[in-house]
Amino acid sequence: MDKKYKVRLHGSEFDLEKNKKGIKVNNYQFDPEVIFNGKFYRVFVNGRELKVEFRDNDILLDGKIVDFDFKSDPQIQTRKGSSHRKSADIRTAIPGKIVEIRVNEGDEVADQQCLLVLESMKMRNEILSPMTGVIDSISVSIGDQVKSRQLMIKIKLK
């Protein structure tokens, strides 16, 4: 039986499905190879290697802490919860084009408020705020092509 989840990574929300063929993310099928060496996981996807570690309540991807929420029905698990943070760097999880920016520097934002819209693989992805705060800086403009993990917005605690 397939298992379906909602995953939020750096403010972008994805539909994730674990199935017999591997993993499907937003309707794109992947068959990752996963190797555990006793300390961390090495994940190989489409010719790219990722190092995944679990430390205390954090998840590290290639040595960097990941802003990550994982939701399954009926249970919700949260890593790196928004209630403890003082700031957040909003980075792209996938490459794409900025098609809308819904906030300005200095704006107050709520947790889960849409900050901008990223178009990738012919799909529009709303990038949500992981916390309540104030927009400190915006590093992108409408029409910009962004790379994976590129900084787009900085939010600070109000």
N, C-alpha and C. Protein backbone atom coordinates (compact mmCIF):
# COMPACT_ATOMS: atom_id res chain seq x y z
N MET A 1 0.83 -1.18 0.00
CA MET A 1 0.00 0.00 0.00
C MET A 1 0.87 1.25 0.00
N ASP A 2 0.50 2.24 -0.84
CA ASP A 2 1.25 3.48 -0.93
C ASP A 2 0.98 4.35 0.30
N LYS A 3 2.00 5.08 0.74
CA LYS A 3 1.86 6.01 1.86
C LYS A 3 2.05 7.41 1.33
N LYS A 4 1.16 8.34 1.72
CA LYS A 4 1.22 9.71 1.24
C LYS A 4 1.48 10.67 2.39
N TYR A 5 2.28 11.69 2.10
CA TYR A 5 2.68 12.67 3.10
C TYR A 5 2.69 14.06 2.48
N LYS A 6 2.69 15.06 3.36
CA LYS A 6 2.95 16.45 2.98
C LYS A 6 4.27 16.81 3.64
N VAL A 7 5.20 17.35 2.87
CA VAL A 7 6.50 17.73 3.40
C VAL A 7 6.73 19.20 3.08
N ARG A 8 7.17 19.96 4.07
CA ARG A 8 7.55 21.35 3.84
C ARG A 8 9.05 21.45 4.07
N LEU A 9 9.75 21.89 3.04
CA LEU A 9 11.21 22.00 3.08
C LEU A 9 11.58 23.42 2.69
N HIS A 10 12.21 24.15 3.60
CA HIS A 10 12.60 25.55 3.37
C HIS A 10 11.43 26.38 2.86
N GLY A 11 10.23 26.16 3.41
CA GLY A 11 9.08 26.96 3.05
C GLY A 11 8.28 26.46 1.86
N SER A 12 8.81 25.50 1.10
CA SER A 12 8.08 24.94 -0.04
C SER A 12 7.39 23.66 0.39
N GLU A 13 6.12 23.50 0.00
CA GLU A 13 5.38 22.30 0.37
C GLU A 13 5.33 21.33 -0.81
N PHE A 14 5.53 20.04 -0.51
CA PHE A 14 5.56 19.00 -1.53
C PHE A 14 4.64 17.85 -1.14
N ASP A 15 4.05 17.21 -2.13
CA ASP A 15 3.33 15.96 -1.93
C ASP A 15 4.33 14.84 -2.12
N LEU A 16 4.46 13.97 -1.13
CA LEU A 16 5.42 12.87 -1.19
C LEU A 16 4.65 11.57 -1.03
N GLU A 17 4.97 10.62 -1.89
CA GLU A 17 4.30 9.32 -1.84
C GLU A 17 5.36 8.23 -1.91
N LYS A 18 5.34 7.33 -0.93
CA LYS A 18 6.23 6.17 -0.94
C LYS A 18 5.44 5.04 -1.58
N ASN A 19 6.01 4.46 -2.66
CA ASN A 19 5.32 3.40 -3.38
C ASN A 19 6.29 2.28 -3.74
N LYS A 20 5.81 1.28 -4.45
CA LYS A 20 6.64 0.11 -4.80
C LYS A 20 7.82 0.48 -5.68
N LYS A 21 7.70 1.53 -6.47
CA LYS A 21 8.77 1.93 -7.40
C LYS A 21 9.80 2.86 -6.75
N GLY A 22 9.52 3.34 -5.55
CA GLY A 22 10.43 4.26 -4.87
C GLY A 22 9.66 5.37 -4.21
N ILE A 23 9.95 6.61 -4.62
CA ILE A 23 9.32 7.79 -4.04
C ILE A 23 8.83 8.69 -5.15
N LYS A 24 7.63 9.21 -4.98
CA LYS A 24 7.08 10.16 -5.94
C LYS A 24 6.95 11.51 -5.23
N VAL A 25 7.54 12.55 -5.83
CA VAL A 25 7.47 13.90 -5.29
C VAL A 25 6.77 14.78 -6.32
N ASN A 26 5.61 15.34 -5.94
CA ASN A 26 4.82 16.17 -6.86
C ASN A 26 4.67 15.51 -8.23
N ASN A 27 4.31 14.24 -8.23
CA ASN A 27 4.05 13.44 -9.44
C ASN A 27 5.31 13.09 -10.25
N TYR A 28 6.50 13.34 -9.74
CA TYR A 28 7.74 12.91 -10.39
C TYR A 28 8.29 11.73 -9.62
N GLN A 29 8.49 10.61 -10.30
CA GLN A 29 8.93 9.37 -9.68
C GLN A 29 10.45 9.32 -9.56
N PHE A 30 10.96 8.91 -8.39
CA PHE A 30 12.38 8.74 -8.14
C PHE A 30 12.61 7.37 -7.52
N ASP A 31 13.74 6.78 -7.83
CA ASP A 31 14.12 5.49 -7.24
C ASP A 31 15.48 5.67 -6.59
N PRO A 32 15.52 6.25 -5.38
CA PRO A 32 16.81 6.52 -4.75
C PRO A 32 17.48 5.26 -4.20
N GLU A 33 18.79 5.29 -4.20
CA GLU A 33 19.57 4.24 -3.53
C GLU A 33 20.01 4.83 -2.19
N VAL A 34 19.75 4.11 -1.11
CA VAL A 34 20.06 4.61 0.23
C VAL A 34 21.04 3.65 0.91
N ILE A 35 22.14 4.21 1.42
CA ILE A 35 23.15 3.42 2.13
C ILE A 35 23.35 4.04 3.51
N PHE A 36 23.26 3.23 4.56
CA PHE A 36 23.49 3.70 5.93
C PHE A 36 24.81 3.12 6.41
N ASN A 37 25.73 3.98 6.86
CA ASN A 37 27.05 3.51 7.29
C ASN A 37 27.19 3.46 8.81
N GLY A 38 26.07 3.58 9.53
CA GLY A 38 26.11 3.56 10.99
C GLY A 38 26.08 4.94 11.61
N LYS A 39 26.46 5.98 10.84
CA LYS A 39 26.46 7.35 11.34
C LYS A 39 25.50 8.25 10.55
N PHE A 40 25.46 8.08 9.26
CA PHE A 40 24.60 8.90 8.41
C PHE A 40 24.18 8.09 7.18
N TYR A 41 23.22 8.67 6.45
CA TYR A 41 22.71 8.03 5.23
C TYR A 41 23.35 8.70 4.02
N ARG A 42 23.71 7.90 3.04
CA ARG A 42 24.12 8.41 1.73
C ARG A 42 22.97 8.08 0.79
N VAL A 43 22.41 9.11 0.17
CA VAL A 43 21.26 8.93 -0.72
C VAL A 43 21.69 9.34 -2.12
N PHE A 44 21.50 8.44 -3.08
CA PHE A 44 21.85 8.69 -4.47
C PHE A 44 20.55 8.82 -5.27
N VAL A 45 20.35 10.01 -5.87
CA VAL A 45 19.15 10.27 -6.67
C VAL A 45 19.57 10.96 -7.96
N ASN A 46 19.19 10.36 -9.09
CA ASN A 46 19.48 10.95 -10.41
C ASN A 46 20.95 11.37 -10.55
N GLY A 47 21.87 10.52 -10.10
CA GLY A 47 23.29 10.79 -10.23
C GLY A 47 23.86 11.75 -9.20
N ARG A 48 23.06 12.21 -8.26
CA ARG A 48 23.53 13.14 -7.23
C ARG A 48 23.56 12.42 -5.89
N GLU A 49 24.61 12.68 -5.12
CA GLU A 49 24.74 12.08 -3.79
C GLU A 49 24.42 13.13 -2.73
N LEU A 50 23.59 12.74 -1.75
CA LEU A 50 23.25 13.59 -0.62
C LEU A 50 23.64 12.88 0.67
N LYS A 51 24.15 13.63 1.62
CA LYS A 51 24.47 13.08 2.94
C LYS A 51 23.38 13.54 3.89
N VAL A 52 22.67 12.60 4.51
CA VAL A 52 21.56 12.91 5.41
C VAL A 52 21.91 12.41 6.81
N GLU A 53 21.84 13.33 7.79
CA GLU A 53 22.14 12.98 9.18
C GLU A 53 20.98 13.40 10.08
N PHE A 54 20.77 12.65 11.15
CA PHE A 54 19.78 12.99 12.16
C PHE A 54 20.53 13.23 13.46
N ARG A 55 20.46 14.48 13.98
CA ARG A 55 21.12 14.84 15.24
C ARG A 55 20.11 15.49 16.16
N ASP A 56 19.91 14.90 17.31
CA ASP A 56 18.93 15.41 18.27
C ASP A 56 17.60 15.61 17.55
N ASN A 57 17.09 16.85 17.50
CA ASN A 57 15.84 17.14 16.81
C ASN A 57 16.06 17.78 15.44
N ASP A 58 17.27 17.71 14.93
CA ASP A 58 17.59 18.34 13.65
C ASP A 58 17.86 17.29 12.57
N ILE A 59 17.59 17.71 11.35
CA ILE A 59 17.97 16.93 10.17
C ILE A 59 18.99 17.77 9.43
N LEU A 60 20.12 17.15 9.06
CA LEU A 60 21.15 17.85 8.31
C LEU A 60 21.24 17.25 6.92
N LEU A 61 21.27 18.11 5.92
CA LEU A 61 21.43 17.70 4.53
C LEU A 61 22.72 18.30 4.04
N ASP A 62 23.67 17.45 3.69
CA ASP A 62 25.01 17.89 3.29
C ASP A 62 25.61 18.83 4.34
N GLY A 63 25.40 18.50 5.63
CA GLY A 63 26.01 19.24 6.73
C GLY A 63 25.26 20.47 7.20
N LYS A 64 24.15 20.83 6.54
CA LYS A 64 23.41 22.03 6.91
C LYS A 64 22.05 21.64 7.48
N ILE A 65 21.64 22.34 8.57
CA ILE A 65 20.34 22.07 9.18
C ILE A 65 19.24 22.43 8.20
N VAL A 66 18.26 21.54 8.10
CA VAL A 66 17.16 21.70 7.16
C VAL A 66 15.90 22.14 7.91
N ASP A 67 15.23 23.17 7.39
CA ASP A 67 13.92 23.60 7.91
C ASP A 67 12.90 22.64 7.31
N PHE A 68 12.34 21.76 8.15
CA PHE A 68 11.62 20.60 7.64
C PHE A 68 10.39 20.31 8.48
N ASP A 69 9.24 20.23 7.85
CA ASP A 69 8.02 19.77 8.50
C ASP A 69 7.53 18.56 7.73
N PHE A 70 7.07 17.57 8.46
CA PHE A 70 6.61 16.31 7.88
C PHE A 70 5.23 16.03 8.41
N LYS A 71 4.26 15.90 7.54
CA LYS A 71 2.88 15.68 7.98
C LYS A 71 2.34 14.41 7.35
N SER A 72 1.85 13.53 8.19
CA SER A 72 1.15 12.35 7.71
C SER A 72 -0.19 12.30 8.43
N ASP A 73 -1.14 11.69 7.84
CA ASP A 73 -2.46 11.63 8.45
C ASP A 73 -2.57 10.35 9.25
N PRO A 74 -2.96 10.37 10.51
CA PRO A 74 -3.51 11.48 11.28
C PRO A 74 -2.47 12.21 12.11
N GLN A 75 -1.22 11.81 12.06
CA GLN A 75 -0.20 12.31 12.97
C GLN A 75 0.60 13.41 12.30
N ILE A 76 1.07 14.38 13.08
CA ILE A 76 1.94 15.42 12.55
C ILE A 76 3.23 15.40 13.35
N GLN A 77 4.35 15.33 12.62
CA GLN A 77 5.66 15.37 13.25
C GLN A 77 6.34 16.63 12.74
N THR A 78 7.02 17.35 13.60
CA THR A 78 7.70 18.57 13.19
C THR A 78 9.15 18.51 13.63
N ARG A 79 10.01 18.89 12.72
CA ARG A 79 11.43 19.03 13.02
C ARG A 79 11.76 20.52 12.94
N LYS A 80 12.58 20.98 13.84
CA LYS A 80 13.02 22.37 13.83
C LYS A 80 11.82 23.31 13.86
N GLY A 81 11.01 23.19 14.89
CA GLY A 81 9.75 23.91 15.00
C GLY A 81 9.89 25.42 14.99
N SER A 82 8.89 26.08 14.44
CA SER A 82 8.94 27.53 14.27
C SER A 82 8.86 28.28 15.59
N SER A 83 8.34 27.68 16.65
CA SER A 83 8.17 28.39 17.91
C SER A 83 9.49 28.71 18.59
N HIS A 84 10.59 28.06 18.22
CA HIS A 84 11.87 28.26 18.88
C HIS A 84 12.84 29.10 18.05
N ARG A 85 12.46 29.50 16.88
CA ARG A 85 13.42 30.18 16.01
C ARG A 85 13.36 31.69 16.17
N LYS A 86 14.50 32.33 15.90
CA LYS A 86 14.60 33.78 15.95
C LYS A 86 14.64 34.38 14.56
N SER A 87 14.97 33.56 13.56
CA SER A 87 15.01 34.02 12.18
C SER A 87 14.89 32.81 11.26
N ALA A 88 14.66 33.10 9.99
CA ALA A 88 14.57 32.02 9.01
C ALA A 88 15.09 32.52 7.67
N ASP A 89 15.90 31.70 7.02
CA ASP A 89 16.33 31.95 5.66
C ASP A 89 15.44 31.09 4.76
N ILE A 90 14.70 31.72 3.87
CA ILE A 90 13.82 31.00 2.96
C ILE A 90 14.61 30.73 1.69
N ARG A 91 14.87 29.46 1.43
CA ARG A 91 15.65 29.03 0.27
C ARG A 91 14.80 28.14 -0.61
N THR A 92 15.15 28.09 -1.88
CA THR A 92 14.42 27.21 -2.80
C THR A 92 14.82 25.77 -2.54
N ALA A 93 13.87 24.89 -2.62
CA ALA A 93 14.16 23.46 -2.55
C ALA A 93 14.39 22.91 -3.95
N ILE A 94 13.83 23.60 -4.94
CA ILE A 94 13.94 23.17 -6.34
C ILE A 94 14.21 24.41 -7.20
N PRO A 95 14.88 24.23 -8.34
CA PRO A 95 15.09 25.38 -9.22
C PRO A 95 13.78 25.79 -9.89
N GLY A 96 13.69 27.06 -10.27
CA GLY A 96 12.48 27.53 -10.94
C GLY A 96 12.53 29.01 -11.20
N LYS A 97 11.36 29.57 -11.50
CA LYS A 97 11.23 30.99 -11.83
C LYS A 97 10.28 31.65 -10.83
N ILE A 98 10.67 32.82 -10.33
CA ILE A 98 9.82 33.58 -9.41
C ILE A 98 8.72 34.25 -10.24
N VAL A 99 7.45 33.91 -9.96
CA VAL A 99 6.34 34.48 -10.73
C VAL A 99 5.50 35.47 -9.92
N GLU A 100 5.58 35.41 -8.60
CA GLU A 100 4.86 36.35 -7.73
C GLU A 100 5.65 36.56 -6.45
N ILE A 101 5.66 37.79 -5.97
CA ILE A 101 6.18 38.09 -4.63
C ILE A 101 5.05 38.79 -3.90
N ARG A 102 4.60 38.20 -2.80
CA ARG A 102 3.41 38.69 -2.10
C ARG A 102 3.72 39.50 -0.84
N VAL A 103 5.01 39.75 -0.58
CA VAL A 103 5.40 40.53 0.60
C VAL A 103 6.45 41.57 0.21
N ASN A 104 6.66 42.52 1.10
CA ASN A 104 7.69 43.54 0.94
C ASN A 104 8.57 43.55 2.18
N GLU A 105 9.77 44.10 2.06
CA GLU A 105 10.64 44.23 3.23
C GLU A 105 9.92 45.05 4.28
N GLY A 106 9.99 44.60 5.54
CA GLY A 106 9.34 45.29 6.65
C GLY A 106 7.94 44.79 6.95
N ASP A 107 7.34 44.00 6.04
CA ASP A 107 6.00 43.45 6.29
C ASP A 107 6.02 42.44 7.43
N GLU A 108 4.96 42.46 8.23
CA GLU A 108 4.77 41.41 9.24
C GLU A 108 4.10 40.23 8.55
N VAL A 109 4.57 39.01 8.85
CA VAL A 109 4.00 37.81 8.24
C VAL A 109 3.62 36.81 9.33
N ALA A 110 2.63 36.00 9.02
CA ALA A 110 2.16 34.96 9.93
C ALA A 110 2.77 33.62 9.52
N ASP A 111 2.83 32.71 10.46
CA ASP A 111 3.26 31.34 10.18
C ASP A 111 2.34 30.77 9.09
N GLN A 112 2.92 30.17 8.08
CA GLN A 112 2.21 29.54 6.96
C GLN A 112 1.64 30.53 5.94
N GLN A 113 1.97 31.81 6.05
CA GLN A 113 1.52 32.80 5.06
C GLN A 113 2.34 32.64 3.79
N CYS A 114 1.69 32.78 2.64
CA CYS A 114 2.40 32.68 1.36
C CYS A 114 3.27 33.92 1.17
N LEU A 115 4.56 33.69 0.89
CA LEU A 115 5.52 34.77 0.68
C LEU A 115 5.72 35.06 -0.80
N LEU A 116 5.83 33.99 -1.58
CA LEU A 116 6.03 34.14 -3.01
C LEU A 116 5.60 32.87 -3.72
N VAL A 117 5.55 32.94 -5.05
CA VAL A 117 5.17 31.79 -5.86
C VAL A 117 6.32 31.48 -6.80
N LEU A 118 6.74 30.22 -6.80
CA LEU A 118 7.83 29.72 -7.63
C LEU A 118 7.24 28.76 -8.66
N GLU A 119 7.54 28.98 -9.92
CA GLU A 119 7.09 28.06 -10.97
C GLU A 119 8.24 27.13 -11.30
N SER A 120 7.96 25.83 -11.22
CA SER A 120 8.98 24.82 -11.49
C SER A 120 8.31 23.61 -12.11
N MET A 121 8.90 23.09 -13.16
CA MET A 121 8.37 21.91 -13.85
C MET A 121 6.89 22.10 -14.19
N LYS A 122 6.55 23.30 -14.68
CA LYS A 122 5.20 23.66 -15.10
C LYS A 122 4.18 23.65 -13.96
N MET A 123 4.67 23.70 -12.72
CA MET A 123 3.79 23.74 -11.55
C MET A 123 4.10 25.00 -10.74
N ARG A 124 3.07 25.60 -10.17
CA ARG A 124 3.23 26.77 -9.31
C ARG A 124 3.29 26.30 -7.87
N ASN A 125 4.36 26.68 -7.17
CA ASN A 125 4.57 26.27 -5.77
C ASN A 125 4.54 27.50 -4.89
N GLU A 126 3.60 27.53 -3.94
CA GLU A 126 3.56 28.62 -2.98
C GLU A 126 4.63 28.39 -1.92
N ILE A 127 5.45 29.39 -1.70
CA ILE A 127 6.49 29.32 -0.68
C ILE A 127 5.94 29.98 0.58
N LEU A 128 5.84 29.20 1.66
CA LEU A 128 5.18 29.65 2.88
C LEU A 128 6.18 30.05 3.95
N SER A 129 5.77 30.97 4.79
CA SER A 129 6.61 31.37 5.92
C SER A 129 6.61 30.27 6.98
N PRO A 130 7.79 29.89 7.48
CA PRO A 130 7.86 28.87 8.52
C PRO A 130 7.66 29.43 9.92
N MET A 131 7.42 30.76 10.02
CA MET A 131 7.30 31.38 11.33
C MET A 131 6.56 32.71 11.24
N THR A 132 6.12 33.21 12.38
CA THR A 132 5.58 34.56 12.47
C THR A 132 6.77 35.50 12.65
N GLY A 133 6.80 36.59 11.90
CA GLY A 133 7.92 37.51 12.00
C GLY A 133 7.78 38.69 11.08
N VAL A 134 8.93 39.29 10.74
CA VAL A 134 9.00 40.46 9.88
C VAL A 134 9.97 40.15 8.73
N ILE A 135 9.60 40.56 7.51
CA ILE A 135 10.48 40.35 6.36
C ILE A 135 11.70 41.27 6.53
N ASP A 136 12.87 40.67 6.67
CA ASP A 136 14.12 41.41 6.86
C ASP A 136 14.71 41.82 5.51
N SER A 137 14.71 40.87 4.55
CA SER A 137 15.24 41.19 3.22
C SER A 137 14.66 40.23 2.18
N ILE A 138 14.59 40.72 0.95
CA ILE A 138 14.14 39.92 -0.19
C ILE A 138 15.26 39.95 -1.21
N SER A 139 15.75 38.77 -1.60
CA SER A 139 16.92 38.67 -2.47
C SER A 139 16.57 38.33 -3.92
N VAL A 140 15.28 38.24 -4.23
CA VAL A 140 14.85 37.88 -5.59
C VAL A 140 13.83 38.89 -6.10
N SER A 141 13.62 38.86 -7.41
CA SER A 141 12.62 39.70 -8.06
C SER A 141 11.75 38.83 -8.95
N ILE A 142 10.58 39.35 -9.32
CA ILE A 142 9.72 38.62 -10.25
C ILE A 142 10.48 38.41 -11.56
N GLY A 143 10.41 37.18 -12.06
CA GLY A 143 11.10 36.83 -13.30
C GLY A 143 12.46 36.19 -13.10
N ASP A 144 13.01 36.28 -11.89
CA ASP A 144 14.32 35.67 -11.61
C ASP A 144 14.26 34.15 -11.74
N GLN A 145 15.30 33.57 -12.32
CA GLN A 145 15.49 32.12 -12.33
C GLN A 145 16.33 31.80 -11.09
N VAL A 146 15.84 30.92 -10.25
CA VAL A 146 16.55 30.59 -9.02
C VAL A 146 17.04 29.15 -9.06
N LYS A 147 18.16 28.92 -8.39
CA LYS A 147 18.76 27.59 -8.30
C LYS A 147 18.32 26.92 -7.01
N SER A 148 18.46 25.63 -6.95
CA SER A 148 18.14 24.88 -5.74
C SER A 148 18.97 25.41 -4.57
N ARG A 149 18.30 25.63 -3.42
CA ARG A 149 18.89 26.10 -2.16
C ARG A 149 19.33 27.56 -2.19
N GLN A 150 18.90 28.32 -3.21
CA GLN A 150 19.24 29.74 -3.28
C GLN A 150 18.42 30.52 -2.26
N LEU A 151 19.05 31.48 -1.59
CA LEU A 151 18.37 32.33 -0.62
C LEU A 151 17.42 33.27 -1.35
N MET A 152 16.15 33.32 -0.87
CA MET A 152 15.16 34.21 -1.48
C MET A 152 14.72 35.31 -0.51
N ILE A 153 14.42 34.92 0.73
CA ILE A 153 13.88 35.87 1.72
C ILE A 153 14.46 35.55 3.10
N LYS A 154 14.72 36.61 3.88
CA LYS A 154 15.11 36.45 5.28
C LYS A 154 13.98 37.01 6.15
N ILE A 155 13.62 36.23 7.16
CA ILE A 155 12.59 36.64 8.11
C ILE A 155 13.23 36.70 9.49
N LYS A 156 12.86 37.72 10.27
CA LYS A 156 13.36 37.79 11.65
C LYS A 156 12.17 37.84 12.59
N LEU A 157 12.42 37.46 13.83
CA LEU A 157 11.39 37.50 14.86
C LEU A 157 10.98 38.94 15.09
N LYS A 158 9.71 39.16 15.28
CA LYS A 158 9.15 40.50 15.48
C LYS A 158 9.63 41.11 16.78
